[in-house]
Each structure stands twice: as C-alpha cells, then as structure tokens.
Amino acid sequence: MPDQGPLLTPQPQELEELVRGLHAEATPWCPAGLGHHAHWGPPLQRPCAAVSTVHLNRIRDHAVGDFTVTVEAGLSLGALQQTLAAADQWLPVDPPLAGDGSIGGIVARGLGGRLRHRYMGLRDQLIGIELIAADGTRARAGGRVVKNVAGYDLMRLFCGSWGSLGLITALTLRTQPLPRHRRRLAATGPSADLALLRQRLLLESPLSLELLDWQQAAAAAPRLLIGLVSLDAMALVCQEEVLRQVLPAGLVLMEVDPGLDPGTPDRRIPAGSWLLRPAVPPVQALDLLTDAAARGWSLQLGAASGLGLAEAPFTAADDGAVEALRTSCRQRGGLLTILQAPPEDRLPAWHDAPSRSLIEAVKRQFDPLGQLAPGRLPGVQPPSAATV
C-alpha cells in the first residue's frame, strides 16, 4: 500500500476552494470522514491527500414532526443518535464500526447493518444529499421531505461508492420513533427446525420483527437470532407469546444478553481481526453456515437478505481461509467483500462486477482525471490485486 498523503482538515468555507485546487493540480485525493476507517476496503493505488469532513459536524435542521433530520457529513453517528434521543427519535442503522463513524462515511461505505430487516437499507433512509464533485462543483439531489422526486437519484448512486465519485457534505435522512422496549431471543436446535422457523416468521407470522439473523460463533452450531421491539411493554409480551406459538417443537428459545450479542451496534471491530461481508441468496444462508469453509469464523447473515458479516482474528485465519469462504459464497450464487484485512494482505477486496463497463463509465463522468480514491471503485477489481 502506498504511503498516505497529507490529512487535510479544511473549515467548511475552505472546502470548495481546496477541492478546486486539488483538481487544478490533478492531485489524487480521498474523502476521509473522521479517518477511523481509512484502512477498510482496497488499499489506495497511489498516495492520496485525505480530505476530512471533521469540521462539517452540525445538525442543520431536525423536523421532529416530519421525522426528518438534515446533518453535515462529518457528524458522528453517536452524536446524532444522542441528539435524536432527546426528541424520542433515532436513526435505525447499525453499521460495523472500527471507531466513531461519520454519517457521510457510513453512507459512502453503504453498510447499514442488520436492522435493514425492519427499516430497510441505508439507501432507503436517504431523502436528500449534498456533495462536491472532483472538480469542486457543488451538487444536490432530493430534498428535505419524504415525498420528493427532485433531481437525479444521486443518493443511491453515492451510497456505497466508497468515496470514488465525490465528497458527501450533507445528508437528509428519515428518523423513527425511539423504541422503548426490546428483546433479543435466540432459537437453537436442529437445522431443519431452524429453517422451518425462519419460513414461518417470514411467510406466516403476523410479527414485524426488528431483526432476524442467522448467527454462528467460531466453534458453535448455527442459531436464529430474533429481535422484538415495541413502544409498549404489553405489546412486547404479546409478540413473544405469538413467537412461541410458531416455534417448532425441536427448538429451544432463550433470551440473549445484549452485552453478549456480537452484533450490538456500539461494539467496535477489533483492529486485529478480519472483517468480511458475505452475501448469498437468503435460501442459501444456512447452507453456507454449515459448510466446512465457515468453520473458524464468527458469522451473522440476514435471514431475509442473505447479507452479513464474518470475523476472525488475524492469528486464526489466513488468506486460504478467506478464499475458501469466498469460494463457498460464489458457489451459492453470492459474493464476498473484504472490509478489514492485515496491512500486508494482497487479496482483492472485491472482484469485477458484471456491470464493470457501466461502473467505469459513471466514474469517468464524475471523475474524468481519476483523482478520487484510486483503486477503490466498487465493482472494479483493483489493478494490483488482479495479478495476485
């Protein structure tokens, strides 16, 4: 990985001029947010100036009655949640984090977390976006209300772009009422009964679950994690009664201590661990967990989405174990992305997508000089990794 360039922390009024200057000099640069996740994803192919949004940290507007909030991109998720909680609201996202994550950085990586089961993905939370393109041009799309069709759909294009198309400066997002009561329950038992429970909960049950996740510790059998949520305590009790009515006889249901739940939103990914993002068709998720390639990994997969995370210490898994899990995903019609790896690792974070030519055409429109985050274009395998 090339040596990193300087870390630039401009004031808001300096940002546009700074980007114009970088463009005029054809200097490679990379949006950096708060800088805690710069090592995630593919290594940059050239030394880049890192442009931080640390000073873009204001809440511009919180329309409490409309359940929307407009924030600058450098505001941390924790600070936003704390402010929203004072109004009994929250932003229903739980992305994996290595440290404080900025709102802009979270959207740029597009990793919303397992709460997508109930609240949909990050793209569905976005209402409006403001950004600065590679040449310093400011642009915006969407607006400040939920029913809005103004402009091109830059919001979904930039969500998951990994800083390769421009610098996100502000976002307008949906908020939700803050849940007052939660329960996390785990169902354990034979795989066939777990698969039957999954089917009943997704297709037959009246429950509207906050999450439904396959989980598997490094040396344990798969289990189904079920998240119940309500604004009312009695309603939560009724939900659990309904859940027990559809529970197959061969399964055991137990409460999960939030502190022991590996997917707890405020948990930080250890610096010495692999972090992978497997994705398979939902009906293949349990089959992936029981494959030999999954042994040694702590895994969670959305029972309805097939998206999840895999973790293992650097000392417990090597490139061969990562490639075996990636192959297992591909054999089941899925893929695997490497988010965090040892600094010396040369495995490609992602492979070419079938739409590579279209992705590269979009990149040329937004960044004709190829300045932004060189080597980090999702769906295009980084050049150095192509020869590994």
Protein backbone atom coordinates (compact mmCIF):
# COMPACT_ATOMS: atom_id res chain seq x y z
CA MET A 1 0.00 0.00 0.00
CA PRO A 2 1.44 3.41 -0.92
CA ASP A 3 2.31 5.87 1.80
CA GLN A 4 -0.65 8.05 2.67
CA GLY A 5 -0.61 11.69 1.65
CA PRO A 6 -1.34 14.58 3.99
CA LEU A 7 -4.50 14.72 6.11
CA LEU A 8 -6.36 17.91 5.24
CA THR A 9 -8.97 19.25 7.68
CA PRO A 10 -10.45 22.33 5.99
CA GLN A 11 -13.07 24.56 7.53
CA PRO A 12 -16.45 24.41 5.76
CA GLN A 13 -15.87 27.69 3.93
CA GLU A 14 -12.49 26.43 2.65
CA LEU A 15 -13.65 23.08 1.32
CA GLU A 16 -14.80 24.01 -2.16
CA GLU A 17 -11.66 26.05 -2.89
CA LEU A 18 -9.47 23.22 -1.62
CA VAL A 19 -11.11 20.67 -3.93
CA ARG A 20 -10.82 23.05 -6.89
CA GLY A 21 -7.12 23.43 -6.17
CA LEU A 22 -6.59 19.66 -5.99
CA HIS A 23 -8.39 19.28 -9.31
CA ALA A 24 -6.34 22.02 -10.97
CA GLU A 25 -3.13 20.24 -9.92
CA ALA A 26 -4.54 16.76 -10.77
CA THR A 27 -3.67 15.68 -7.23
CA PRO A 28 -5.15 12.32 -6.13
CA TRP A 29 -7.28 12.64 -3.03
CA CYS A 30 -9.71 10.64 -0.98
CA PRO A 31 -12.69 11.65 1.20
CA ALA A 32 -11.75 10.69 4.76
CA GLY A 33 -14.68 11.47 7.06
CA LEU A 34 -13.30 11.19 10.59
CA GLY A 35 -10.42 8.98 9.43
CA HIS A 36 -11.20 5.90 11.53
CA HIS A 37 -11.96 3.61 8.59
CA ALA A 38 -9.34 4.69 6.05
CA HIS A 39 -7.81 1.19 6.17
CA TRP A 40 -11.05 -0.55 5.19
CA GLY A 41 -11.58 -1.83 1.67
CA PRO A 42 -8.93 -1.98 -1.07
CA PRO A 43 -5.64 -0.16 -0.45
CA LEU A 44 -5.30 3.06 -2.40
CA GLN A 45 -3.19 2.64 -5.53
CA ARG A 46 -1.39 5.97 -5.17
CA PRO A 47 -0.54 8.32 -2.30
CA CYS A 48 -3.59 10.49 -1.74
CA ALA A 49 -4.36 13.62 0.18
CA ALA A 50 -7.08 12.70 2.68
CA VAL A 51 -9.79 15.38 2.84
CA SER A 52 -11.53 15.15 6.21
CA THR A 53 -15.02 16.42 6.97
CA VAL A 54 -14.32 16.63 10.71
CA HIS A 55 -15.38 20.31 10.78
CA LEU A 56 -18.63 19.60 8.93
CA ASN A 57 -20.35 18.44 12.10
CA ARG A 58 -23.57 20.40 12.55
CA ILE A 59 -27.19 19.34 12.65
CA ARG A 60 -28.74 21.86 10.28
CA ASP A 61 -32.37 21.00 10.86
CA HIS A 62 -34.41 18.46 12.80
CA ALA A 63 -38.02 18.45 11.70
CA VAL A 64 -39.33 16.48 14.68
CA GLY A 65 -42.93 16.34 13.45
CA ASP A 66 -41.88 15.23 9.97
CA PHE A 67 -39.35 12.67 11.28
CA THR A 68 -36.50 14.02 9.16
CA VAL A 69 -33.08 15.39 10.02
CA THR A 70 -30.52 17.27 7.92
CA VAL A 71 -26.92 16.86 9.05
CA GLU A 72 -23.47 17.70 7.81
CA ALA A 73 -21.45 14.70 6.70
CA GLY A 74 -18.75 14.86 9.37
CA LEU A 75 -21.14 14.48 12.30
CA SER A 76 -20.59 11.19 14.11
CA LEU A 77 -23.39 8.64 14.27
CA GLY A 78 -23.14 8.55 18.07
CA ALA A 79 -23.57 12.32 18.38
CA LEU A 80 -26.55 12.25 16.03
CA GLN A 81 -28.25 9.42 17.93
CA GLN A 82 -27.75 11.26 21.21
CA THR A 83 -29.40 14.40 19.85
CA LEU A 84 -32.29 12.49 18.28
CA ALA A 85 -32.90 10.57 21.50
CA ALA A 86 -33.72 13.83 23.28
CA ALA A 87 -36.74 14.01 20.94
CA ASP A 88 -37.57 10.27 21.35
CA GLN A 89 -36.29 9.53 17.85
CA TRP A 90 -33.37 7.66 16.32
CA LEU A 91 -31.73 6.73 13.03
CA PRO A 92 -32.25 2.97 12.56
CA VAL A 93 -28.83 1.93 11.27
CA ASP A 94 -26.23 -0.27 12.95
CA PRO A 95 -23.17 -0.37 10.66
CA PRO A 96 -19.96 -2.18 11.60
CA LEU A 97 -17.51 0.34 13.03
CA ALA A 98 -13.83 0.40 13.93
CA GLY A 99 -14.20 3.75 15.72
CA ASP A 100 -16.52 6.74 15.62
CA GLY A 101 -18.11 6.77 12.20
CA SER A 102 -19.25 9.93 10.42
CA ILE A 103 -22.65 9.96 8.75
CA GLY A 104 -21.03 10.72 5.39
CA GLY A 105 -18.53 7.88 5.77
CA ILE A 106 -21.23 5.39 6.76
CA VAL A 107 -23.31 6.30 3.71
CA ALA A 108 -20.25 6.24 1.43
CA ARG A 109 -19.50 2.67 2.52
CA GLY A 110 -23.17 1.70 2.26
CA LEU A 111 -23.06 -0.72 5.20
CA GLY A 112 -26.32 -0.18 7.04
CA GLY A 113 -26.31 -3.28 9.24
CA ARG A 114 -28.82 -5.94 10.22
CA LEU A 115 -31.61 -3.50 11.15
CA ARG A 116 -32.36 -3.38 7.43
CA HIS A 117 -34.70 -6.32 8.12
CA ARG A 118 -37.30 -3.91 9.50
CA TYR A 119 -36.14 -0.44 8.46
CA MET A 120 -34.67 -1.26 5.02
CA GLY A 121 -31.19 -0.27 3.91
CA LEU A 122 -29.23 2.97 4.12
CA ARG A 123 -30.32 3.98 0.64
CA ASP A 124 -33.92 3.84 1.78
CA GLN A 125 -33.19 6.17 4.71
CA LEU A 126 -31.85 8.93 2.45
CA ILE A 127 -34.09 11.80 1.41
CA GLY A 128 -31.54 14.36 0.23
CA ILE A 129 -27.82 14.69 -0.41
CA GLU A 130 -25.29 17.48 -0.98
CA LEU A 131 -21.84 16.82 -2.42
CA ILE A 132 -18.75 18.28 -4.02
CA ALA A 133 -17.57 16.64 -7.23
CA ALA A 134 -13.93 16.02 -8.11
CA ASP A 135 -13.64 19.39 -9.89
CA GLY A 136 -15.12 21.33 -6.97
CA THR A 137 -18.64 21.59 -8.40
CA ARG A 138 -21.36 21.52 -5.76
CA ALA A 139 -24.45 19.41 -6.41
CA ARG A 140 -27.53 18.31 -4.56
CA ALA A 141 -30.38 15.86 -5.09
CA GLY A 142 -33.59 15.04 -3.29
CA GLY A 143 -34.86 17.44 -0.66
CA ARG A 144 -36.00 17.74 2.94
CA VAL A 145 -39.31 15.87 2.83
CA VAL A 146 -40.04 12.17 2.39
CA LYS A 147 -42.18 12.53 -0.73
CA ASN A 148 -39.62 14.12 -3.00
CA VAL A 149 -38.57 13.31 -6.57
CA ALA A 150 -36.41 16.35 -7.32
CA GLY A 151 -33.24 15.87 -9.35
CA TYR A 152 -31.26 12.82 -10.37
CA ASP A 153 -31.05 9.94 -7.91
CA LEU A 154 -27.54 10.74 -6.74
CA MET A 155 -28.42 9.47 -3.28
CA ARG A 156 -28.45 5.81 -4.23
CA LEU A 157 -25.52 6.26 -6.58
CA PHE A 158 -23.31 7.70 -3.84
CA CYS A 159 -24.44 5.22 -1.18
CA GLY A 160 -21.76 2.53 -1.30
CA SER A 161 -19.48 4.48 -3.68
CA TRP A 162 -16.52 4.39 -1.21
CA GLY A 163 -15.57 7.99 -1.96
CA SER A 164 -14.87 7.22 -5.61
CA LEU A 165 -17.39 9.68 -7.11
CA GLY A 166 -17.25 12.75 -4.87
CA LEU A 167 -17.27 14.12 -1.35
CA ILE A 168 -20.56 13.94 0.53
CA THR A 169 -21.05 17.16 2.53
CA ALA A 170 -24.60 16.90 3.91
CA LEU A 171 -27.49 14.44 4.12
CA THR A 172 -31.17 14.49 4.92
CA LEU A 173 -32.43 11.26 6.45
CA ARG A 174 -35.59 9.70 7.81
CA THR A 175 -35.84 9.17 11.55
CA GLN A 176 -38.04 6.78 13.51
CA PRO A 177 -39.71 6.80 16.94
CA LEU A 178 -37.24 5.60 19.55
CA PRO A 179 -38.22 2.07 20.68
CA ARG A 180 -38.80 1.84 24.41
CA HIS A 181 -38.82 -1.96 24.74
CA ARG A 182 -36.64 -4.58 23.07
CA ARG A 183 -35.96 -8.26 23.48
CA ARG A 184 -33.35 -10.40 21.76
CA LEU A 185 -34.14 -14.11 21.65
CA ALA A 186 -32.11 -16.95 20.17
CA ALA A 187 -33.61 -20.17 18.83
CA THR A 188 -31.32 -23.21 18.89
CA GLY A 189 -31.78 -26.79 17.78
CA PRO A 190 -31.77 -28.94 14.62
CA SER A 191 -31.07 -27.11 11.38
CA ALA A 192 -34.27 -28.37 9.76
CA ASP A 193 -36.36 -26.92 12.58
CA LEU A 194 -34.47 -23.61 12.41
CA ALA A 195 -35.16 -23.43 8.68
CA LEU A 196 -38.84 -24.12 9.36
CA LEU A 197 -38.96 -21.35 11.97
CA ARG A 198 -37.37 -18.92 9.54
CA GLN A 199 -40.03 -19.77 6.95
CA ARG A 200 -42.86 -19.33 9.44
CA LEU A 201 -41.57 -15.99 10.69
CA LEU A 202 -41.07 -14.60 7.19
CA LEU A 203 -44.15 -16.00 5.46
CA GLU A 204 -46.80 -16.91 8.02
CA SER A 205 -46.30 -14.97 11.25
CA PRO A 206 -48.01 -11.61 11.95
CA LEU A 207 -44.87 -10.42 13.77
CA SER A 208 -42.98 -7.45 12.41
CA LEU A 209 -39.50 -8.27 13.67
CA GLU A 210 -36.75 -5.71 14.13
CA LEU A 211 -34.20 -8.26 13.00
CA LEU A 212 -33.97 -11.93 12.05
CA ASP A 213 -30.41 -13.14 11.76
CA TRP A 214 -28.54 -16.36 11.36
CA GLN A 215 -25.65 -16.41 13.81
CA GLN A 216 -22.78 -18.79 14.26
CA ALA A 217 -19.82 -18.45 16.61
CA ALA A 218 -16.41 -19.77 15.54
CA ALA A 219 -16.95 -23.15 17.24
CA ALA A 220 -20.71 -23.38 17.64
CA ALA A 221 -23.81 -24.53 15.81
CA PRO A 222 -25.99 -22.05 13.90
CA ARG A 223 -28.80 -20.30 15.74
CA LEU A 224 -31.54 -17.90 14.73
CA LEU A 225 -31.47 -14.51 16.46
CA ILE A 226 -34.87 -12.86 16.71
CA GLY A 227 -35.34 -9.20 17.60
CA LEU A 228 -38.62 -8.00 19.08
CA VAL A 229 -39.34 -4.30 19.52
CA SER A 230 -42.26 -2.18 20.65
CA LEU A 231 -43.22 1.17 22.10
CA ASP A 232 -45.41 -0.65 24.62
CA ALA A 233 -44.31 -3.28 27.19
CA MET A 234 -47.50 -5.35 26.98
CA ALA A 235 -47.33 -5.43 23.20
CA LEU A 236 -43.83 -6.87 23.50
CA VAL A 237 -45.14 -9.63 25.80
CA CYS A 238 -47.84 -10.45 23.23
CA GLN A 239 -45.22 -10.64 20.47
CA GLU A 240 -43.23 -13.18 22.45
CA GLU A 241 -46.36 -15.28 23.00
CA VAL A 242 -47.02 -15.32 19.26
CA LEU A 243 -43.40 -16.29 18.65
CA ARG A 244 -43.66 -19.26 21.00
CA GLN A 245 -46.82 -20.42 19.23
CA VAL A 246 -44.98 -20.77 15.91
CA LEU A 247 -41.83 -22.28 17.45
CA PRO A 248 -41.19 -25.84 16.18
CA ALA A 249 -41.14 -28.41 18.97
CA GLY A 250 -37.47 -29.28 18.46
CA LEU A 251 -36.19 -25.76 19.20
CA VAL A 252 -35.24 -24.03 22.43
CA LEU A 253 -35.82 -20.29 22.83
CA MET A 254 -33.58 -18.32 25.18
CA GLU A 255 -33.07 -14.64 25.93
CA VAL A 256 -29.83 -13.06 24.75
CA ASP A 257 -27.97 -10.66 26.98
CA PRO A 258 -27.43 -7.50 24.85
CA GLY A 259 -23.87 -7.34 26.14
CA LEU A 260 -23.17 -10.78 24.69
CA ASP A 261 -24.79 -10.15 21.32
CA PRO A 262 -21.95 -9.98 18.74
CA GLY A 263 -24.00 -7.60 16.61
CA THR A 264 -24.55 -4.94 19.27
CA PRO A 265 -24.45 -1.55 17.45
CA ASP A 266 -21.92 0.08 19.81
CA ARG A 267 -19.42 -2.79 19.54
CA ARG A 268 -16.19 -1.91 17.74
CA ILE A 269 -14.46 -4.26 15.31
CA PRO A 270 -11.04 -5.18 16.77
CA ALA A 271 -8.05 -3.85 14.83
CA GLY A 272 -6.52 -7.34 14.68
CA SER A 273 -9.49 -9.07 13.05
CA TRP A 274 -10.59 -9.89 9.55
CA LEU A 275 -13.92 -8.30 8.70
CA LEU A 276 -15.66 -9.75 5.66
CA ARG A 277 -19.06 -9.09 4.11
CA PRO A 278 -20.54 -12.31 2.70
CA ALA A 279 -23.70 -12.09 0.62
CA VAL A 280 -25.67 -15.09 -0.63
CA PRO A 281 -29.28 -15.71 -1.68
CA PRO A 282 -31.27 -15.92 1.57
CA VAL A 283 -32.27 -19.55 1.00
CA GLN A 284 -28.55 -20.44 0.84
CA ALA A 285 -27.58 -18.74 4.12
CA LEU A 286 -27.98 -21.76 6.40
CA ASP A 287 -26.21 -23.95 3.87
CA LEU A 288 -23.25 -21.53 3.89
CA LEU A 289 -23.07 -21.60 7.69
CA THR A 290 -22.87 -25.39 7.76
CA ASP A 291 -20.18 -25.54 5.04
CA ALA A 292 -16.66 -26.50 6.11
CA ALA A 293 -15.37 -23.14 4.83
CA ALA A 294 -17.38 -21.36 7.55
CA ARG A 295 -15.62 -23.13 10.41
CA GLY A 296 -13.47 -20.82 12.48
CA TRP A 297 -15.46 -17.71 11.51
CA SER A 298 -17.93 -15.78 13.63
CA LEU A 299 -20.77 -15.23 11.19
CA GLN A 300 -24.05 -13.40 11.02
CA LEU A 301 -26.32 -13.41 7.97
CA GLY A 302 -29.67 -11.75 7.48
CA ALA A 303 -32.30 -14.47 7.28
CA ALA A 304 -34.29 -12.42 4.76
CA SER A 305 -31.45 -10.59 2.96
CA GLY A 306 -28.52 -13.03 2.96
CA LEU A 307 -26.19 -10.11 3.78
CA GLY A 308 -23.93 -10.28 6.79
CA LEU A 309 -20.51 -10.12 8.39
CA ALA A 310 -17.76 -12.63 9.12
CA GLU A 311 -14.99 -12.08 11.67
CA ALA A 312 -11.88 -13.94 12.79
CA PRO A 313 -8.60 -12.82 14.39
CA PHE A 314 -5.68 -12.40 12.01
CA THR A 315 -3.95 -15.14 14.02
CA ALA A 316 -6.81 -17.59 13.48
CA ALA A 317 -7.43 -17.21 9.73
CA ASP A 318 -5.17 -16.71 6.72
CA ASP A 319 -5.65 -15.90 3.04
CA GLY A 320 -6.55 -19.51 2.34
CA ALA A 321 -9.43 -19.42 4.83
CA VAL A 322 -10.71 -16.17 3.31
CA GLU A 323 -10.54 -17.56 -0.22
CA ALA A 324 -12.31 -20.75 0.89
CA LEU A 325 -15.19 -18.73 2.34
CA ARG A 326 -15.29 -16.53 -0.77
CA THR A 327 -15.44 -19.62 -3.00
CA SER A 328 -18.24 -21.07 -0.86
CA CYS A 329 -20.23 -17.84 -1.31
CA ARG A 330 -19.68 -17.82 -5.06
CA GLN A 331 -20.74 -21.46 -5.40
CA ARG A 332 -24.05 -20.47 -3.84
CA GLY A 333 -24.61 -17.55 -6.19
CA GLY A 334 -23.17 -14.90 -3.87
CA LEU A 335 -20.01 -12.90 -3.29
CA LEU A 336 -17.69 -11.78 -0.51
CA THR A 337 -16.12 -8.37 0.16
CA ILE A 338 -13.08 -7.86 2.38
CA LEU A 339 -13.57 -4.82 4.60
CA GLN A 340 -10.66 -5.17 7.04
CA ALA A 341 -7.52 -7.24 6.46
CA PRO A 342 -3.90 -7.36 7.66
CA PRO A 343 -1.88 -4.41 6.26
CA GLU A 344 0.33 -6.71 4.16
CA ASP A 345 -2.58 -8.68 2.66
CA ARG A 346 -2.98 -8.60 -1.13
CA LEU A 347 -6.27 -10.41 -1.64
CA PRO A 348 -8.69 -8.32 -3.74
CA ALA A 349 -11.31 -6.65 -1.57
CA TRP A 350 -13.82 -7.29 -4.35
CA HIS A 351 -13.89 -8.76 -7.83
CA ASP A 352 -15.21 -7.32 -11.08
CA ALA A 353 -18.98 -6.97 -11.26
CA PRO A 354 -20.81 -7.97 -14.47
CA SER A 355 -21.61 -4.26 -14.93
CA ARG A 356 -17.95 -3.18 -14.73
CA SER A 357 -18.03 -1.24 -18.01
CA LEU A 358 -21.07 0.76 -16.86
CA ILE A 359 -19.48 1.45 -13.46
CA GLU A 360 -16.31 2.74 -15.14
CA ALA A 361 -18.37 4.94 -17.48
CA VAL A 362 -20.12 6.53 -14.49
CA LYS A 363 -16.76 7.04 -12.80
CA ARG A 364 -15.41 8.88 -15.86
CA GLN A 365 -18.37 11.24 -15.83
CA PHE A 366 -17.88 12.18 -12.18
CA ASP A 367 -14.08 11.96 -12.02
CA PRO A 368 -12.54 12.25 -15.51
CA LEU A 369 -8.99 12.66 -14.13
CA GLY A 370 -9.26 9.55 -11.94
CA GLN A 371 -8.26 11.57 -8.87
CA LEU A 372 -10.73 10.24 -6.34
CA ALA A 373 -9.82 7.20 -4.21
CA PRO A 374 -7.76 5.48 -6.93
CA GLY A 375 -8.24 1.71 -6.66
CA ARG A 376 -11.46 1.93 -4.65
CA LEU A 377 -14.18 1.74 -7.29
CA PRO A 378 -16.77 -0.82 -6.12
CA GLY A 379 -17.37 -3.49 -8.74
CA VAL A 380 -13.95 -2.98 -10.35
CA GLN A 381 -11.15 -5.19 -9.09
CA PRO A 382 -8.14 -3.08 -8.05
CA PRO A 383 -5.27 -3.30 -10.58
CA SER A 384 -2.65 -4.66 -8.16
CA ALA A 385 -4.98 -7.38 -6.93
CA ALA A 386 -5.75 -8.53 -10.48
CA THR A 387 -2.29 -10.06 -10.74
CA VAL A 388 -2.35 -11.86 -7.39
